[in-house]
C-alpha atoms as a PDB file:
ATOM      1  CA  MET A   1       0.026   0.076   0.114  1.00  0.00           C
ATOM      2  CA  ARG A   2       1.106   3.556  -0.892  1.00  0.00           C
ATOM      3  CA  CYS A   3       0.176   6.237   1.394  1.00  0.00           C
ATOM      4  CA  HIS A   4       0.640   8.960  -1.006  1.00  0.00           C
ATOM      5  CA  ARG A   5       0.645   9.255  -4.825  1.00  0.00           C
ATOM      6  CA  GLU A   6       3.839   9.000  -6.488  1.00  0.00           C
ATOM      7  CA  GLY A   7       3.464  12.548  -8.220  1.00  0.00           C
ATOM      8  CA  ARG A   8       2.877  13.991  -4.860  1.00  0.00           C
ATOM      9  CA  ALA A   9       5.901  12.281  -3.333  1.00  0.00           C
ATOM     10  CA  ARG A  10       8.171  13.293  -6.184  1.00  0.00           C
ATOM     11  CA  ASP A  11       7.051  17.040  -5.977  1.00  0.00           C
ATOM     12  CA  PHE A  12       7.639  16.934  -2.135  1.00  0.00           C
ATOM     13  CA  ARG A  13      11.217  15.458  -2.759  1.00  0.00           C
ATOM     14  CA  THR A  14      11.777  18.084  -5.380  1.00  0.00           C
ATOM     15  CA  ARG A  15      10.776  20.930  -3.026  1.00  0.00           C
ATOM     16  CA  GLY A  16      13.075  19.584  -0.300  1.00  0.00           C
ATOM     17  CA  TRP A  17      10.259  18.772   2.029  1.00  0.00           C
ATOM     18  CA  TRP A  18      10.950  15.165   1.887  1.00  0.00           C
ATOM     19  CA  SER A  19      14.294  13.353   1.898  1.00  0.00           C
ATOM     20  CA  ALA A  20      15.729  10.063   1.935  1.00  0.00           C
ATOM     21  CA  GLU A  21      15.892   9.831   5.508  1.00  0.00           C
ATOM     22  CA  THR A  22      13.675   7.402   7.331  1.00  0.00           C
ATOM     23  CA  ILE A  23      12.397   7.459  10.934  1.00  0.00           C
ATOM     24  CA  ASP A  24      14.012   4.222  11.765  1.00  0.00           C
ATOM     25  CA  ARG A  25      17.373   5.432  10.437  1.00  0.00           C
ATOM     26  CA  LEU A  26      17.106   8.650  12.411  1.00  0.00           C
ATOM     27  CA  VAL A  27      16.445   6.649  15.755  1.00  0.00           C
ATOM     28  CA  LYS A  28      19.355   4.151  14.884  1.00  0.00           C
ATOM     29  CA  GLU A  29      21.682   7.291  14.592  1.00  0.00           C
ATOM     30  CA  ARG A  30      20.603   8.645  17.866  1.00  0.00           C
ATOM     31  CA  VAL A  31      21.254   5.180  19.402  1.00  0.00           C
ATOM     32  CA  SER A  32      24.789   4.989  17.719  1.00  0.00           C
ATOM     33  CA  ALA A  33      25.405   8.670  18.776  1.00  0.00           C
ATOM     34  CA  ASP A  34      24.249   8.557  22.473  1.00  0.00           C
ATOM     35  CA  PRO A  35      23.225   4.922  23.394  1.00  0.00           C
ATOM     36  CA  GLU A  36      22.852   5.933  27.248  1.00  0.00           C
ATOM     37  CA  GLY A  37      21.111   9.379  26.775  1.00  0.00           C
ATOM     38  CA  LEU A  38      17.620   9.679  27.868  1.00  0.00           C
ATOM     39  CA  ALA A  39      15.215   9.207  25.082  1.00  0.00           C
ATOM     40  CA  LEU A  40      11.793   9.211  26.684  1.00  0.00           C
ATOM     41  CA  VAL A  41      10.004   9.556  29.869  1.00  0.00           C
ATOM     42  CA  ASP A  42       6.587   8.225  30.895  1.00  0.00           C
ATOM     43  CA  PRO A  43       3.960  10.420  32.417  1.00  0.00           C
ATOM     44  CA  PRO A  44       3.355  10.367  36.066  1.00  0.00           C
ATOM     45  CA  ASN A  45      -0.097   8.818  35.343  1.00  0.00           C
ATOM     46  CA  THR A  46       1.130   5.807  33.241  1.00  0.00           C
ATOM     47  CA  THR A  47      -0.105   3.199  36.029  1.00  0.00           C
ATOM     48  CA  ALA A  48      -3.581   4.504  35.579  1.00  0.00           C
ATOM     49  CA  LEU A  49      -3.398   4.457  31.986  1.00  0.00           C
ATOM     50  CA  VAL A  50      -1.884   1.147  31.119  1.00  0.00           C
ATOM     51  CA  GLY A  51      -1.419  -0.547  34.476  1.00  0.00           C
ATOM     52  CA  ARG A  52       2.381  -0.556  34.998  1.00  0.00           C
ATOM     53  CA  ASP A  53       4.934   1.766  36.634  1.00  0.00           C
ATOM     54  CA  PRO A  54       6.319   4.813  34.376  1.00  0.00           C
ATOM     55  CA  VAL A  55       9.562   3.993  32.782  1.00  0.00           C
ATOM     56  CA  ARG A  56      12.659   6.190  31.658  1.00  0.00           C
ATOM     57  CA  TRP A  57      14.343   4.578  28.617  1.00  0.00           C
ATOM     58  CA  THR A  58      17.860   5.200  27.157  1.00  0.00           C
ATOM     59  CA  TRP A  59      18.043   5.248  23.322  1.00  0.00           C
ATOM     60  CA  ASN A  60      19.653   1.922  23.618  1.00  0.00           C
ATOM     61  CA  ARG A  61      16.821   0.587  25.820  1.00  0.00           C
ATOM     62  CA  LEU A  62      14.306   2.072  23.542  1.00  0.00           C
ATOM     63  CA  ASP A  63      16.005   0.408  20.562  1.00  0.00           C
ATOM     64  CA  GLU A  64      15.660  -2.855  22.264  1.00  0.00           C
ATOM     65  CA  ARG A  65      12.019  -2.591  23.050  1.00  0.00           C
ATOM     66  CA  VAL A  66      11.351  -1.363  19.517  1.00  0.00           C
ATOM     67  CA  ASP A  67      12.996  -4.775  18.274  1.00  0.00           C
ATOM     68  CA  VAL A  68      11.049  -6.838  20.575  1.00  0.00           C
ATOM     69  CA  LEU A  69       7.736  -5.543  19.365  1.00  0.00           C
ATOM     70  CA  ALA A  70       8.843  -5.556  15.878  1.00  0.00           C
ATOM     71  CA  ALA A  71       9.820  -9.264  16.189  1.00  0.00           C
ATOM     72  CA  PHE A  72       6.298 -10.049  17.620  1.00  0.00           C
ATOM     73  CA  LEU A  73       4.486  -8.251  14.872  1.00  0.00           C
ATOM     74  CA  LEU A  74       6.506 -10.260  12.232  1.00  0.00           C
ATOM     75  CA  ALA A  75       5.742 -13.450  14.151  1.00  0.00           C
ATOM     76  CA  ARG A  76       2.011 -12.754  14.073  1.00  0.00           C
ATOM     77  CA  GLY A  77       2.161 -12.337  10.148  1.00  0.00           C
ATOM     78  CA  VAL A  78       2.502  -8.576   9.882  1.00  0.00           C
ATOM     79  CA  ARG A  79       4.466  -7.762   6.670  1.00  0.00           C
ATOM     80  CA  ALA A  80       6.015  -4.727   5.046  1.00  0.00           C
ATOM     81  CA  GLY A  81       3.096  -2.587   3.372  1.00  0.00           C
ATOM     82  CA  ASP A  82       0.601  -4.065   5.912  1.00  0.00           C
ATOM     83  CA  VAL A  83      -1.600  -1.486   7.690  1.00  0.00           C
ATOM     84  CA  VAL A  84      -1.648  -1.738  11.707  1.00  0.00           C
ATOM     85  CA  ALA A  85      -3.819   0.173  13.783  1.00  0.00           C
ATOM     86  CA  VAL A  86      -2.615   1.851  17.061  1.00  0.00           C
ATOM     87  CA  GLN A  87      -4.917   2.780  19.799  1.00  0.00           C
ATOM     88  CA  LEU A  88      -2.647   3.784  22.729  1.00  0.00           C
ATOM     89  CA  PRO A  89      -2.470   6.630  25.416  1.00  0.00           C
ATOM     90  CA  ASN A  90       0.358   9.104  25.458  1.00  0.00           C
ATOM     91  CA  CYS A  91       3.127   6.847  26.885  1.00  0.00           C
ATOM     92  CA  SER A  92       6.354   4.957  25.931  1.00  0.00           C
ATOM     93  CA  ALA A  93       4.216   2.066  24.576  1.00  0.00           C
ATOM     94  CA  LEU A  94       2.672   4.456  21.894  1.00  0.00           C
ATOM     95  CA  VAL A  95       6.321   5.431  20.780  1.00  0.00           C
ATOM     96  CA  GLN A  96       7.309   1.924  20.992  1.00  0.00           C
ATOM     97  CA  ALA A  97       4.444   0.889  18.753  1.00  0.00           C
ATOM     98  CA  PHE A  98       4.955   3.528  16.106  1.00  0.00           C
ATOM     99  CA  LEU A  99       8.634   2.870  15.750  1.00  0.00           C
ATOM    100  CA  ALA A 100       8.237  -0.951  15.733  1.00  0.00           C
ATOM    101  CA  ILE A 101       5.643  -0.729  12.966  1.00  0.00           C
ATOM    102  CA  VAL A 102       7.760   1.365  10.749  1.00  0.00           C
ATOM    103  CA  ARG A 103      10.856  -0.522  11.348  1.00  0.00           C
ATOM    104  CA  ILE A 104       9.281  -3.726   9.668  1.00  0.00           C
ATOM    105  CA  GLY A 105       8.052  -1.527   6.742  1.00  0.00           C
ATOM    106  CA  ALA A 106       4.406  -1.487   7.740  1.00  0.00           C
ATOM    107  CA  ILE A 107       2.046   1.610   8.051  1.00  0.00           C
ATOM    108  CA  VAL A 108       0.790   3.075  11.154  1.00  0.00           C
ATOM    109  CA  THR A 109      -2.888   4.196  11.468  1.00  0.00           C
ATOM    110  CA  PRO A 110      -3.461   5.952  14.849  1.00  0.00           C
ATOM    111  CA  PHE A 111      -6.897   5.643  16.410  1.00  0.00           C
ATOM    112  CA  PRO A 112      -8.208   7.977  19.374  1.00  0.00           C
ATOM    113  CA  VAL A 113      -8.162   6.195  22.702  1.00  0.00           C
ATOM    114  CA  ALA A 114     -11.890   7.123  23.356  1.00  0.00           C
ATOM    115  CA  TYR A 115     -13.074   5.002  20.219  1.00  0.00           C
ATOM    116  CA  ARG A 116     -14.847   1.868  20.782  1.00  0.00           C
ATOM    117  CA  GLU A 117     -16.177  -0.991  18.632  1.00  0.00           C
ATOM    118  CA  HIS A 118     -18.790   1.164  17.020  1.00  0.00           C
ATOM    119  CA  GLU A 119     -15.974   3.546  15.469  1.00  0.00           C
ATOM    120  CA  LEU A 120     -13.048   0.961  15.489  1.00  0.00           C
ATOM    121  CA  GLY A 121     -14.940  -1.711  13.496  1.00  0.00           C
ATOM    122  CA  PRO A 122     -15.578   0.552  10.306  1.00  0.00           C
ATOM    123  CA  MET A 123     -12.078   2.257  10.525  1.00  0.00           C
ATOM    124  CA  CYS A 124     -10.395  -1.034  10.501  1.00  0.00           C
ATOM    125  CA  ARG A 125     -12.188  -2.221   7.644  1.00  0.00           C
ATOM    126  CA  ARG A 126     -11.742   1.120   5.709  1.00  0.00           C
ATOM    127  CA  THR A 127      -8.172   1.089   6.208  1.00  0.00           C
ATOM    128  CA  GLY A 128      -7.588  -2.597   5.754  1.00  0.00           C
ATOM    129  CA  ALA A 129      -5.862  -3.029   9.144  1.00  0.00           C
ATOM    130  CA  VAL A 130      -4.406  -6.397   9.620  1.00  0.00           C
ATOM    131  CA  GLY A 131      -4.157  -5.827  13.342  1.00  0.00           C
ATOM    132  CA  VAL A 132      -4.604  -3.393  16.358  1.00  0.00           C
ATOM    133  CA  VAL A 133      -1.899  -2.642  18.880  1.00  0.00           C
ATOM    134  CA  THR A 134      -3.594  -1.505  22.187  1.00  0.00           C
ATOM    135  CA  ALA A 135      -3.365  -1.541  26.012  1.00  0.00           C
ATOM    136  CA  SER A 136      -5.451  -3.785  27.922  1.00  0.00           C
ATOM    137  CA  SER A 137      -7.649  -2.087  30.644  1.00  0.00           C
ATOM    138  CA  TYR A 138      -7.106  -5.517  32.696  1.00  0.00           C
ATOM    139  CA  ALA A 139      -3.762  -4.611  34.001  1.00  0.00           C
ATOM    140  CA  ALA A 140      -4.776  -1.267  35.016  1.00  0.00           C
ATOM    141  CA  ALA A 141      -7.801  -2.403  36.791  1.00  0.00           C
ATOM    142  CA  LEU A 142      -5.936  -5.200  38.470  1.00  0.00           C
ATOM    143  CA  GLY A 143      -3.182  -2.884  39.599  1.00  0.00           C
ATOM    144  CA  ASP A 144      -0.400  -4.785  41.672  1.00  0.00           C
ATOM    145  CA  ALA A 145      -1.070  -8.510  41.099  1.00  0.00           C
ATOM    146  CA  HIS A 146       0.840  -9.223  44.294  1.00  0.00           C
ATOM    147  CA  ARG A 147      -1.831  -7.691  46.413  1.00  0.00           C
ATOM    148  CA  PHE A 148      -3.915 -10.757  45.800  1.00  0.00           C
ATOM    149  CA  THR A 149      -3.184 -14.222  47.165  1.00  0.00           C
ATOM    150  CA  ASN A 150      -3.776 -15.800  43.943  1.00  0.00           C
ATOM    151  CA  ALA A 151      -5.962 -15.605  40.556  1.00  0.00           C
ATOM    152  CA  ALA A 152      -9.027 -16.929  42.513  1.00  0.00           C
ATOM    153  CA  ALA A 153      -8.822 -14.059  44.972  1.00  0.00           C
ATOM    154  CA  ALA A 154      -8.637 -11.451  42.306  1.00  0.00           C
ATOM    155  CA  TYR A 155     -11.615 -13.139  40.548  1.00  0.00           C
ATOM    156  CA  ARG A 156     -13.729 -12.935  43.653  1.00  0.00           C
ATOM    157  CA  PHE A 157     -12.846  -9.358  43.981  1.00  0.00           C
ATOM    158  CA  SER A 158     -14.161  -8.603  40.703  1.00  0.00           C
ATOM    159  CA  GLY A 159     -17.723  -9.761  41.508  1.00  0.00           C
ATOM    160  CA  LEU A 160     -17.785 -12.207  38.767  1.00  0.00           C
ATOM    161  CA  THR A 161     -18.106 -15.383  41.033  1.00  0.00           C
ATOM    162  CA  PRO A 162     -21.603 -17.146  40.888  1.00  0.00           C
ATOM    163  CA  SER A 163     -24.044 -16.301  43.762  1.00  0.00           C
ATOM    164  CA  SER A 164     -27.553 -17.386  44.299  1.00  0.00           C
ATOM    165  CA  TYR A 165     -30.216 -15.252  46.312  1.00  0.00           C
ATOM    166  CA  GLU A 166     -31.763 -16.643  49.513  1.00  0.00           C
ATOM    167  CA  SER A 167     -34.733 -15.206  51.317  1.00  0.00           C
ATOM    168  CA  ALA A 168     -36.832 -16.748  54.166  1.00  0.00           C
ATOM    169  CA  GLY A 169     -35.081 -19.942  53.859  1.00  0.00           C
ATOM    170  CA  ARG A 170     -35.783 -20.298  50.031  1.00  0.00           C
ATOM    171  CA  ARG A 171     -33.000 -20.277  47.651  1.00  0.00           C
ATOM    172  CA  ALA A 172     -33.601 -18.763  44.077  1.00  0.00           C
ATOM    173  CA  THR A 173     -33.364 -21.398  41.191  1.00  0.00           C
ATOM    174  CA  THR A 174     -31.267 -18.884  39.157  1.00  0.00           C
ATOM    175  CA  VAL A 175     -27.666 -18.168  39.667  1.00  0.00           C
ATOM    176  CA  ARG A 176     -26.148 -14.682  39.011  1.00  0.00           C
ATOM    177  CA  ILE A 177     -22.632 -13.247  39.481  1.00  0.00           C
ATOM    178  CA  SER A 178     -22.308 -11.770  42.874  1.00  0.00           C
ATOM    179  CA  LYS A 179     -21.394  -8.132  41.546  1.00  0.00           C
ATOM    180  CA  ILE A 180     -19.678  -7.726  44.964  1.00  0.00           C
ATOM    181  CA  GLY A 181     -16.277  -6.051  44.350  1.00  0.00           C
ATOM    182  CA  SER A 182     -14.657  -3.836  41.758  1.00  0.00           C
ATOM    183  CA  VAL A 183     -16.732  -2.880  39.015  1.00  0.00           C
ATOM    184  CA  GLU A 184     -13.855  -1.573  36.971  1.00  0.00           C
ATOM    185  CA  LEU A 185     -12.117  -5.093  37.320  1.00  0.00           C
ATOM    186  CA  ARG A 186     -15.220  -6.784  36.457  1.00  0.00           C
ATOM    187  CA  GLN A 187     -15.659  -4.747  33.274  1.00  0.00           C
ATOM    188  CA  ALA A 188     -11.931  -5.233  32.423  1.00  0.00           C
ATOM    189  CA  MET A 189     -12.084  -8.986  32.867  1.00  0.00           C
ATOM    190  CA  ILE A 190     -15.110  -9.240  30.525  1.00  0.00           C
ATOM    191  CA  ALA A 191     -13.381  -7.006  27.980  1.00  0.00           C
ATOM    192  CA  LEU A 192     -10.283  -9.284  28.165  1.00  0.00           C
ATOM    193  CA  GLY A 193     -12.503 -12.302  27.513  1.00  0.00           C
ATOM    194  CA  VAL A 194     -14.249 -10.696  24.574  1.00  0.00           C
ATOM    195  CA  GLY A 195     -10.812  -9.454  22.984  1.00  0.00           C
ATOM    196  CA  ILE A 196      -9.048 -12.726  23.255  1.00  0.00           C
ATOM    197  CA  THR A 197     -12.002 -14.739  21.781  1.00  0.00           C
ATOM    198  CA  LEU A 198     -11.814 -12.410  18.641  1.00  0.00           C
ATOM    199  CA  HIS A 199      -8.018 -13.113  18.298  1.00  0.00           C
ATOM    200  CA  HIS A 200      -7.074 -16.418  19.838  1.00  0.00           C
ATOM    201  CA  PRO A 201      -8.371 -19.594  18.096  1.00  0.00           C
ATOM    202  CA  GLU A 202      -8.236 -21.914  21.069  1.00  0.00           C
ATOM    203  CA  PHE A 203     -10.236 -19.411  23.358  1.00  0.00           C
ATOM    204  CA  ALA A 204     -12.830 -18.887  20.432  1.00  0.00           C
ATOM    205  CA  ALA A 205     -13.236 -22.633  20.263  1.00  0.00           C
ATOM    206  CA  TYR A 206     -13.696 -22.889  23.938  1.00  0.00           C
ATOM    207  CA  ARG A 207     -16.474 -20.309  23.989  1.00  0.00           C
ATOM    208  CA  ALA A 208     -17.984 -22.171  20.843  1.00  0.00           C
ATOM    209  CA  ARG A 209     -18.102 -25.432  22.841  1.00  0.00           C
ATOM    210  CA  LEU A 210     -19.868 -23.583  25.677  1.00  0.00           C
ATOM    211  CA  ARG A 211     -22.483 -22.168  23.345  1.00  0.00           C
ATOM    212  CA  ALA A 212     -22.949 -25.528  21.727  1.00  0.00           C
ATOM    213  CA  SER A 213     -23.453 -27.103  25.135  1.00  0.00           C
ATOM    214  CA  GLY A 214     -26.482 -24.694  25.521  1.00  0.00           C
ATOM    215  CA  LYS A 215     -24.780 -21.865  27.795  1.00  0.00           C
ATOM    216  CA  LYS A 216     -26.282 -18.524  27.365  1.00  0.00           C
ATOM    217  CA  PRO A 217     -23.896 -15.837  25.675  1.00  0.00           C
ATOM    218  CA  ILE A 218     -23.233 -14.078  28.722  1.00  0.00           C
ATOM    219  CA  VAL A 219     -22.394 -17.158  30.608  1.00  0.00           C
ATOM    220  CA  ALA A 220     -19.962 -18.187  27.998  1.00  0.00           C
ATOM    221  CA  THR A 221     -18.298 -14.789  27.984  1.00  0.00           C
ATOM    222  CA  ILE A 222     -17.707 -15.014  31.752  1.00  0.00           C
ATOM    223  CA  ALA A 223     -16.245 -18.254  31.553  1.00  0.00           C
ATOM    224  CA  VAL A 224     -13.863 -17.256  28.796  1.00  0.00           C
ATOM    225  CA  ALA A 225     -13.036 -14.167  30.920  1.00  0.00           C
ATOM    226  CA  HIS A 226     -12.437 -16.339  33.960  1.00  0.00           C
ATOM    227  CA  ARG A 227      -9.930 -18.445  31.915  1.00  0.00           C
ATOM    228  CA  ALA A 228      -8.263 -15.480  30.354  1.00  0.00           C
ATOM    229  CA  HIS A 229      -7.953 -13.792  33.711  1.00  0.00           C
ATOM    230  CA  ARG A 230      -5.951 -16.699  35.240  1.00  0.00           C
ATOM    231  CA  LEU A 231      -3.387 -16.714  32.226  1.00  0.00           C
ATOM    232  CA  ALA A 232      -3.138 -13.025  32.401  1.00  0.00           C
ATOM    233  CA  PHE A 233      -2.781 -13.009  36.049  1.00  0.00           C
ATOM    234  CA  ALA A 234       0.020 -15.478  36.129  1.00  0.00           C
ATOM    235  CA  ILE A 235       1.921 -13.525  33.405  1.00  0.00           C
ATOM    236  CA  LEU A 236       1.509 -10.271  35.334  1.00  0.00           C
ATOM    237  CA  ARG A 237       2.763 -12.024  38.637  1.00  0.00           C
ATOM    238  CA  SER A 238       5.670 -13.635  37.044  1.00  0.00           C
ATOM    239  CA  GLN A 239       6.463 -10.641  34.391  1.00  0.00           C
ATOM    240  CA  LYS A 240       7.740 -13.510  32.057  1.00  0.00           C
ATOM    241  CA  PRO A 241       6.540 -13.696  28.378  1.00  0.00           C
ATOM    242  CA  TYR A 242       3.620 -15.716  27.489  1.00  0.00           C
ATOM    243  CA  ASP A 243       4.444 -19.070  26.058  1.00  0.00           C
ATOM    244  CA  ALA A 244       1.612 -20.299  23.592  1.00  0.00           C
ATOM    245  CA  THR A 245       2.819 -23.898  23.859  1.00  0.00           C
ATOM    246  CA  THR A 246       1.892 -24.141  27.678  1.00  0.00           C
ATOM    247  CA  TRP A 247      -1.409 -21.978  27.684  1.00  0.00           C
ATOM    248  CA  ALA A 248      -3.576 -25.134  27.573  1.00  0.00           C
ATOM    249  CA  ALA A 249      -2.066 -26.523  30.851  1.00  0.00           C
ATOM    250  CA  ALA A 250      -2.327 -23.211  32.497  1.00  0.00           C
ATOM    251  CA  THR A 251      -6.104 -23.148  31.556  1.00  0.00           C
ATOM    252  CA  SER A 252      -7.170 -26.807  31.752  1.00  0.00           C
ATOM    253  CA  ARG A 253     -10.741 -27.293  32.876  1.00  0.00           C
ATOM    254  CA  SER A 254      -9.521 -30.367  34.965  1.00  0.00           C
ATOM    255  CA  GLU A 255      -7.793 -27.891  37.392  1.00  0.00           C
ATOM    256  CA  ARG A 256      -9.433 -27.003  40.526  1.00  0.00           C
ATOM    257  CA  ARG A 257     -11.269 -23.605  40.184  1.00  0.00           C
ATOM    258  CA  ASP A 258      -9.655 -22.194  43.368  1.00  0.00           C
ATOM    259  CA  ARG A 259      -6.163 -23.238  42.308  1.00  0.00           C
ATOM    260  CA  PRO A 260      -4.060 -20.390  41.294  1.00  0.00           C
ATOM    261  CA  VAL A 261      -2.332 -20.853  37.860  1.00  0.00           C
ATOM    262  CA  THR A 262       1.397 -21.001  38.629  1.00  0.00           C
ATOM    263  CA  ALA A 263       3.909 -18.831  36.608  1.00  0.00           C
ATOM    264  CA  ALA A 264       5.648 -21.931  35.272  1.00  0.00           C
ATOM    265  CA  GLU A 265       2.417 -23.119  33.597  1.00  0.00           C
ATOM    266  CA  ALA A 266       1.580 -19.998  31.712  1.00  0.00           C
ATOM    267  CA  THR A 267       5.206 -18.514  30.963  1.00  0.00           C
ATOM    268  CA  ARG A 268       8.513 -19.719  29.955  1.00  0.00           C
ATOM    269  CA  THR A 269      10.714 -20.581  32.725  1.00  0.00           C
ATOM    270  CA  THR A 270      14.037 -20.501  30.894  1.00  0.00           C
END
């Protein structure tokens, strides 16, 4: 895909407005000239925005983080000329995403952070975006994972645990979620489940099995959210990369519901 007509591009080069310099080349020059110099600083409210502490990256560190994301995008099938949407707040992750996408020769199309499915769907289709780089509200809503004993404790805090109503010694026949706890975390977990179902075949298949067995859509969605939460919680606790080859063991239905997923089950241990 070309972002500009060749005639316009040639005119801009003739006028000296454009040159052969690329953004990635300029970054590499800074890395070579001042590798330990300060490149960027996160805003103080980064934790509220993306659920992690603010960072201060040198040019060398920025270059390393860009390489990591660029390699991930390539592994996910993004290629030069592809359009990748970015929906991130003003933080280091935004810079990292932009630089990683252009490093592999792909095209960045930024989306406002306030946009949701109603706007994002048509925009992705119109731009032909092959993927979206964004931040999960899950990490921000969860906060420090170590403040919870395990994943089950965090799940109970979200208010998604099943609960039945009882009055005058009579128990209701229907079971609903307790809704006792953090509304923000509850919504973030459900959003995590919805998002992972759209992009992870195994989670999508899991939801399909639940629906085929007669589970209502919201029940299936919450079940996927529970499974996704257990995996995400382990990753946040361990701070180790997700290992796709072991995700099934970490979320096996044969495990006890109150058993925390260990970091070794959900992440690489080497």
